[in-house]
Amino acid sequence: MHQELLTSREAAALLGVTTQTIYNWIFKGELRAIRRGNMHFLDQAELMSAAASITPRRPRLGAKEKAPNR
């Protein structure tokens, strides 16, 4: 069986999140990764099944996006 390994950057692009989000999920144990030197590799099939159960945090409001006044 051949597994397709993705870099953390490729995984982030595939899921539409930042690489920091991928690293956070790895360090929290929500994603499994293989580390080779300073690079992390993720199995694409595992990534897709895990991504279905991981909910990204709500984006933070930037300087231009202010919360509505209440």
PDB file of N, CA and C in Angstrom:
ATOM      1  N   MET A   1       0.844  -1.186   0.000  1.00  0.00           N
ATOM      2  CA  MET A   1       0.000   0.000   0.000  1.00  0.00           C
ATOM      3  C   MET A   1       0.884   1.243   0.000  1.00  0.00           C
ATOM      4  N   HIS A   2       0.607   2.131  -0.921  1.00  0.00           N
ATOM      5  CA  HIS A   2       1.391   3.353  -1.058  1.00  0.00           C
ATOM      6  C   HIS A   2       0.638   4.514  -0.438  1.00  0.00           C
ATOM      7  N   GLN A   3       1.286   5.177   0.491  1.00  0.00           N
ATOM      8  CA  GLN A   3       0.622   6.321   1.106  1.00  0.00           C
ATOM      9  C   GLN A   3       1.195   7.607   0.533  1.00  0.00           C
ATOM     10  N   GLU A   4       0.323   8.549   0.273  1.00  0.00           N
ATOM     11  CA  GLU A   4       0.727   9.845  -0.250  1.00  0.00           C
ATOM     12  C   GLU A   4       1.022  10.762   0.922  1.00  0.00           C
ATOM     13  N   LEU A   5       2.270  11.197   1.034  1.00  0.00           N
ATOM     14  CA  LEU A   5       2.663  12.089   2.121  1.00  0.00           C
ATOM     15  C   LEU A   5       2.689  13.525   1.618  1.00  0.00           C
ATOM     16  N   LEU A   6       2.162  14.411   2.443  1.00  0.00           N
ATOM     17  CA  LEU A   6       2.133  15.832   2.128  1.00  0.00           C
ATOM     18  C   LEU A   6       2.976  16.586   3.149  1.00  0.00           C
ATOM     19  N   THR A   7       3.589  17.668   2.723  1.00  0.00           N
ATOM     20  CA  THR A   7       4.272  18.535   3.676  1.00  0.00           C
ATOM     21  C   THR A   7       3.209  19.307   4.447  1.00  0.00           C
ATOM     22  N   SER A   8       3.596  19.925   5.529  1.00  0.00           N
ATOM     23  CA  SER A   8       2.641  20.712   6.301  1.00  0.00           C
ATOM     24  C   SER A   8       2.104  21.874   5.458  1.00  0.00           C
ATOM     25  N   ARG A   9       2.923  22.437   4.594  1.00  0.00           N
ATOM     26  CA  ARG A   9       2.485  23.524   3.715  1.00  0.00           C
ATOM     27  C   ARG A   9       1.441  23.016   2.713  1.00  0.00           C
ATOM     28  N   GLU A  10       1.675  21.842   2.126  1.00  0.00           N
ATOM     29  CA  GLU A  10       0.713  21.271   1.183  1.00  0.00           C
ATOM     30  C   GLU A  10      -0.600  20.924   1.886  1.00  0.00           C
ATOM     31  N   ALA A  11      -0.491  20.388   3.111  1.00  0.00           N
ATOM     32  CA  ALA A  11      -1.691  20.043   3.881  1.00  0.00           C
ATOM     33  C   ALA A  11      -2.506  21.295   4.193  1.00  0.00           C
ATOM     34  N   ALA A  12      -1.818  22.374   4.565  1.00  0.00           N
ATOM     35  CA  ALA A  12      -2.501  23.631   4.877  1.00  0.00           C
ATOM     36  C   ALA A  12      -3.230  24.167   3.641  1.00  0.00           C
ATOM     37  N   ALA A  13      -2.572  24.127   2.503  1.00  0.00           N
ATOM     38  CA  ALA A  13      -3.193  24.612   1.262  1.00  0.00           C
ATOM     39  C   ALA A  13      -4.403  23.760   0.898  1.00  0.00           C
ATOM     40  N   LEU A  14      -4.291  22.455   1.087  1.00  0.00           N
ATOM     41  CA  LEU A  14      -5.392  21.549   0.768  1.00  0.00           C
ATOM     42  C   LEU A  14      -6.620  21.824   1.632  1.00  0.00           C
ATOM     43  N   LEU A  15      -6.401  22.141   2.904  1.00  0.00           N
ATOM     44  CA  LEU A  15      -7.513  22.372   3.828  1.00  0.00           C
ATOM     45  C   LEU A  15      -7.929  23.841   3.908  1.00  0.00           C
ATOM     46  N   GLY A  16      -7.151  24.733   3.308  1.00  0.00           N
ATOM     47  CA  GLY A  16      -7.481  26.148   3.356  1.00  0.00           C
ATOM     48  C   GLY A  16      -7.227  26.785   4.712  1.00  0.00           C
ATOM     49  N   VAL A  17      -6.187  26.311   5.399  1.00  0.00           N
ATOM     50  CA  VAL A  17      -5.796  26.870   6.698  1.00  0.00           C
ATOM     51  C   VAL A  17      -4.328  27.266   6.621  1.00  0.00           C
ATOM     52  N   THR A  18      -3.814  27.879   7.665  1.00  0.00           N
ATOM     53  CA  THR A  18      -2.399  28.258   7.680  1.00  0.00           C
ATOM     54  C   THR A  18      -1.542  27.071   8.123  1.00  0.00           C
ATOM     55  N   THR A  19      -0.256  27.167   7.828  1.00  0.00           N
ATOM     56  CA  THR A  19       0.647  26.114   8.294  1.00  0.00           C
ATOM     57  C   THR A  19       0.703  26.108   9.817  1.00  0.00           C
ATOM     58  N   GLN A  20       0.549  27.267  10.442  1.00  0.00           N
ATOM     59  CA  GLN A  20       0.536  27.324  11.907  1.00  0.00           C
ATOM     60  C   GLN A  20      -0.628  26.513  12.465  1.00  0.00           C
ATOM     61  N   THR A  21      -1.772  26.551  11.792  1.00  0.00           N
ATOM     62  CA  THR A  21      -2.926  25.752  12.224  1.00  0.00           C
ATOM     63  C   THR A  21      -2.600  24.272  12.133  1.00  0.00           C
ATOM     64  N   ILE A  22      -1.944  23.862  11.059  1.00  0.00           N
ATOM     65  CA  ILE A  22      -1.535  22.456  10.915  1.00  0.00           C
ATOM     66  C   ILE A  22      -0.605  22.075  12.063  1.00  0.00           C
ATOM     67  N   TYR A  23       0.394  22.925  12.367  1.00  0.00           N
ATOM     68  CA  TYR A  23       1.312  22.639  13.468  1.00  0.00           C
ATOM     69  C   TYR A  23       0.571  22.569  14.798  1.00  0.00           C
ATOM     70  N   ASN A  24      -0.365  23.473  15.005  1.00  0.00           N
ATOM     71  CA  ASN A  24      -1.144  23.445  16.249  1.00  0.00           C
ATOM     72  C   ASN A  24      -1.892  22.127  16.386  1.00  0.00           C
ATOM     73  N   TRP A  25      -2.515  21.675  15.309  1.00  0.00           N
ATOM     74  CA  TRP A  25      -3.255  20.411  15.345  1.00  0.00           C
ATOM     75  C   TRP A  25      -2.320  19.237  15.598  1.00  0.00           C
ATOM     76  N   ILE A  26      -1.118  19.280  15.020  1.00  0.00           N
ATOM     77  CA  ILE A  26      -0.138  18.209  15.254  1.00  0.00           C
ATOM     78  C   ILE A  26       0.254  18.188  16.726  1.00  0.00           C
ATOM     79  N   PHE A  27       0.605  19.353  17.273  1.00  0.00           N
ATOM     80  CA  PHE A  27       1.080  19.414  18.658  1.00  0.00           C
ATOM     81  C   PHE A  27      -0.016  19.111  19.664  1.00  0.00           C
ATOM     82  N   LYS A  28      -1.275  19.351  19.301  1.00  0.00           N
ATOM     83  CA  LYS A  28      -2.398  19.012  20.176  1.00  0.00           C
ATOM     84  C   LYS A  28      -2.765  17.534  20.061  1.00  0.00           C
ATOM     85  N   GLY A  29      -2.193  16.840  19.088  1.00  0.00           N
ATOM     86  CA  GLY A  29      -2.493  15.426  18.895  1.00  0.00           C
ATOM     87  C   GLY A  29      -3.708  15.179  18.026  1.00  0.00           C
ATOM     88  N   GLU A  30      -4.221  16.209  17.369  1.00  0.00           N
ATOM     89  CA  GLU A  30      -5.391  16.048  16.510  1.00  0.00           C
ATOM     90  C   GLU A  30      -5.011  15.514  15.127  1.00  0.00           C
ATOM     91  N   LEU A  31      -3.744  15.676  14.748  1.00  0.00           N
ATOM     92  CA  LEU A  31      -3.212  15.135  13.498  1.00  0.00           C
ATOM     93  C   LEU A  31      -1.930  14.381  13.806  1.00  0.00           C
ATOM     94  N   ARG A  32      -1.727  13.278  13.091  1.00  0.00           N
ATOM     95  CA  ARG A  32      -0.467  12.548  13.221  1.00  0.00           C
ATOM     96  C   ARG A  32       0.451  12.987  12.093  1.00  0.00           C
ATOM     97  N   ALA A  33       1.721  13.150  12.414  1.00  0.00           N
ATOM     98  CA  ALA A  33       2.694  13.562  11.407  1.00  0.00           C
ATOM     99  C   ALA A  33       3.983  12.788  11.599  1.00  0.00           C
ATOM    100  N   ILE A  34       4.706  12.649  10.520  1.00  0.00           N
ATOM    101  CA  ILE A  34       6.037  12.044  10.541  1.00  0.00           C
ATOM    102  C   ILE A  34       7.015  13.202  10.448  1.00  0.00           C
ATOM    103  N   ARG A  35       7.967  13.234  11.352  1.00  0.00           N
ATOM    104  CA  ARG A  35       8.934  14.329  11.333  1.00  0.00           C
ATOM    105  C   ARG A  35      10.256  13.813  10.795  1.00  0.00           C
ATOM    106  N   ARG A  36      10.749  14.495   9.790  1.00  0.00           N
ATOM    107  CA  ARG A  36      12.058  14.198   9.200  1.00  0.00           C
ATOM    108  C   ARG A  36      12.864  15.491   9.243  1.00  0.00           C
ATOM    109  N   GLY A  37      13.822  15.550  10.136  1.00  0.00           N
ATOM    110  CA  GLY A  37      14.581  16.786  10.311  1.00  0.00           C
ATOM    111  C   GLY A  37      13.663  17.854  10.878  1.00  0.00           C
ATOM    112  N   ASN A  38      13.556  18.960  10.180  1.00  0.00           N
ATOM    113  CA  ASN A  38      12.684  20.023  10.655  1.00  0.00           C
ATOM    114  C   ASN A  38      11.374  20.091   9.862  1.00  0.00           C
ATOM    115  N   MET A  39      11.064  19.031   9.100  1.00  0.00           N
ATOM    116  CA  MET A  39       9.842  19.014   8.293  1.00  0.00           C
ATOM    117  C   MET A  39       8.855  17.990   8.833  1.00  0.00           C
ATOM    118  N   HIS A  40       7.588  18.312   8.718  1.00  0.00           N
ATOM    119  CA  HIS A  40       6.517  17.394   9.099  1.00  0.00           C
ATOM    120  C   HIS A  40       5.823  16.906   7.827  1.00  0.00           C
ATOM    121  N   PHE A  41       5.521  15.616   7.777  1.00  0.00           N
ATOM    122  CA  PHE A  41       4.805  15.032   6.655  1.00  0.00           C
ATOM    123  C   PHE A  41       3.544  14.369   7.183  1.00  0.00           C
ATOM    124  N   LEU A  42       2.462  14.537   6.452  1.00  0.00           N
ATOM    125  CA  LEU A  42       1.170  13.986   6.869  1.00  0.00           C
ATOM    126  C   LEU A  42       0.633  13.087   5.773  1.00  0.00           C
ATOM    127  N   ASP A  43       0.038  11.968   6.169  1.00  0.00           N
ATOM    128  CA  ASP A  43      -0.593  11.065   5.230  1.00  0.00           C
ATOM    129  C   ASP A  43      -1.886  11.720   4.735  1.00  0.00           C
ATOM    130  N   GLN A  44      -2.045  11.813   3.421  1.00  0.00           N
ATOM    131  CA  GLN A  44      -3.186  12.527   2.861  1.00  0.00           C
ATOM    132  C   GLN A  44      -4.516  11.897   3.252  1.00  0.00           C
ATOM    133  N   ALA A  45      -4.617  10.583   3.217  1.00  0.00           N
ATOM    134  CA  ALA A  45      -5.879   9.917   3.576  1.00  0.00           C
ATOM    135  C   ALA A  45      -6.227  10.171   5.042  1.00  0.00           C
ATOM    136  N   GLU A  46      -5.229  10.071   5.914  1.00  0.00           N
ATOM    137  CA  GLU A  46      -5.446  10.347   7.339  1.00  0.00           C
ATOM    138  C   GLU A  46      -5.827  11.806   7.567  1.00  0.00           C
ATOM    139  N   LEU A  47      -5.168  12.689   6.836  1.00  0.00           N
ATOM    140  CA  LEU A  47      -5.441  14.122   6.956  1.00  0.00           C
ATOM    141  C   LEU A  47      -6.894  14.416   6.608  1.00  0.00           C
ATOM    142  N   MET A  48      -7.367  13.848   5.522  1.00  0.00           N
ATOM    143  CA  MET A  48      -8.737  14.119   5.082  1.00  0.00           C
ATOM    144  C   MET A  48      -9.761  13.567   6.069  1.00  0.00           C
ATOM    145  N   SER A  49      -9.520  12.395   6.626  1.00  0.00           N
ATOM    146  CA  SER A  49     -10.480  11.846   7.586  1.00  0.00           C
ATOM    147  C   SER A  49     -10.433  12.614   8.906  1.00  0.00           C
ATOM    148  N   ALA A  50      -9.235  13.036   9.344  1.00  0.00           N
ATOM    149  CA  ALA A  50      -9.124  13.806  10.581  1.00  0.00           C
ATOM    150  C   ALA A  50      -9.707  15.202  10.408  1.00  0.00           C
ATOM    151  N   ALA A  51      -9.535  15.787   9.232  1.00  0.00           N
ATOM    152  CA  ALA A  51     -10.023  17.152   8.984  1.00  0.00           C
ATOM    153  C   ALA A  51     -11.538  17.236   9.100  1.00  0.00           C
ATOM    154  N   ALA A  52     -12.217  16.150   8.827  1.00  0.00           N
ATOM    155  CA  ALA A  52     -13.675  16.159   8.930  1.00  0.00           C
ATOM    156  C   ALA A  52     -14.133  16.332  10.374  1.00  0.00           C
ATOM    157  N   SER A  53     -13.294  15.920  11.327  1.00  0.00           N
ATOM    158  CA  SER A  53     -13.694  16.007  12.730  1.00  0.00           C
ATOM    159  C   SER A  53     -13.065  17.192  13.464  1.00  0.00           C
ATOM    160  N   ILE A  54     -12.131  17.894  12.810  1.00  0.00           N
ATOM    161  CA  ILE A  54     -11.481  19.050  13.433  1.00  0.00           C
ATOM    162  C   ILE A  54     -12.177  20.313  12.945  1.00  0.00           C
ATOM    163  N   THR A  55     -12.554  21.158  13.880  1.00  0.00           N
ATOM    164  CA  THR A  55     -13.190  22.414  13.524  1.00  0.00           C
ATOM    165  C   THR A  55     -12.210  23.551  13.761  1.00  0.00           C
ATOM    166  N   PRO A  56     -11.857  24.296  12.708  1.00  0.00           N
ATOM    167  CA  PRO A  56     -10.957  25.422  12.918  1.00  0.00           C
ATOM    168  C   PRO A  56     -11.603  26.477  13.812  1.00  0.00           C
ATOM    169  N   ARG A  57     -10.770  27.179  14.559  1.00  0.00           N
ATOM    170  CA  ARG A  57     -11.274  28.269  15.395  1.00  0.00           C
ATOM    171  C   ARG A  57     -11.842  29.367  14.529  1.00  0.00           C
ATOM    172  N   ARG A  58     -12.724  30.126  15.133  1.00  0.00           N
ATOM    173  CA  ARG A  58     -13.268  31.292  14.449  1.00  0.00           C
ATOM    174  C   ARG A  58     -12.124  32.267  14.217  1.00  0.00           C
ATOM    175  N   PRO A  59     -12.016  32.864  13.030  1.00  0.00           N
ATOM    176  CA  PRO A  59     -10.913  33.800  12.789  1.00  0.00           C
ATOM    177  C   PRO A  59     -10.977  34.996  13.728  1.00  0.00           C
ATOM    178  N   ARG A  60      -9.825  35.473  14.106  1.00  0.00           N
ATOM    179  CA  ARG A  60      -9.757  36.660  14.955  1.00  0.00           C
ATOM    180  C   ARG A  60     -10.121  37.883  14.132  1.00  0.00           C
ATOM    181  N   LEU A  61     -10.668  38.867  14.798  1.00  0.00           N
ATOM    182  CA  LEU A  61     -10.996  40.106  14.110  1.00  0.00           C
ATOM    183  C   LEU A  61      -9.730  40.929  13.956  1.00  0.00           C
ATOM    184  N   GLY A  62      -9.462  41.356  12.745  1.00  0.00           N
ATOM    185  CA  GLY A  62      -8.283  42.166  12.486  1.00  0.00           C
ATOM    186  C   GLY A  62      -8.552  43.621  12.800  1.00  0.00           C
ATOM    187  N   ALA A  63      -7.558  44.450  12.568  1.00  0.00           N
ATOM    188  CA  ALA A  63      -7.681  45.879  12.867  1.00  0.00           C
ATOM    189  C   ALA A  63      -8.795  46.519  12.044  1.00  0.00           C
ATOM    190  N   LYS A  64      -9.002  46.048  10.811  1.00  0.00           N
ATOM    191  CA  LYS A  64     -10.025  46.636   9.949  1.00  0.00           C
ATOM    192  C   LYS A  64     -11.401  46.060  10.218  1.00  0.00           C
ATOM    193  N   GLU A  65     -11.447  44.896  10.826  1.00  0.00           N
ATOM    194  CA  GLU A  65     -12.723  44.248  11.121  1.00  0.00           C
ATOM    195  C   GLU A  65     -13.024  44.423  12.601  1.00  0.00           C
ATOM    196  N   LYS A  66     -13.904  45.279  12.912  1.00  0.00           N
ATOM    197  CA  LYS A  66     -14.243  45.526  14.313  1.00  0.00           C
ATOM    198  C   LYS A  66     -15.527  44.792  14.666  1.00  0.00           C
ATOM    199  N   ALA A  67     -15.577  44.360  15.891  1.00  0.00           N
ATOM    200  CA  ALA A  67     -16.797  43.716  16.398  1.00  0.00           C
ATOM    201  C   ALA A  67     -17.897  44.757  16.463  1.00  0.00           C
ATOM    202  N   PRO A  68     -19.143  44.373  16.204  1.00  0.00           N
ATOM    203  CA  PRO A  68     -20.230  45.350  16.273  1.00  0.00           C
ATOM    204  C   PRO A  68     -20.394  45.883  17.688  1.00  0.00           C
ATOM    205  N   ASN A  69     -20.710  47.174  17.785  1.00  0.00           N
ATOM    206  CA  ASN A  69     -20.956  47.790  19.099  1.00  0.00           C
ATOM    207  C   ASN A  69     -22.303  47.359  19.607  1.00  0.00           C
ATOM    208  N   ARG A  70     -22.350  47.036  20.861  1.00  0.00           N
ATOM    209  CA  ARG A  70     -23.618  46.614  21.460  1.00  0.00           C
ATOM    210  C   ARG A  70     -23.958  47.475  22.624  1.00  0.00           C
TER     211      ARG A  70
END
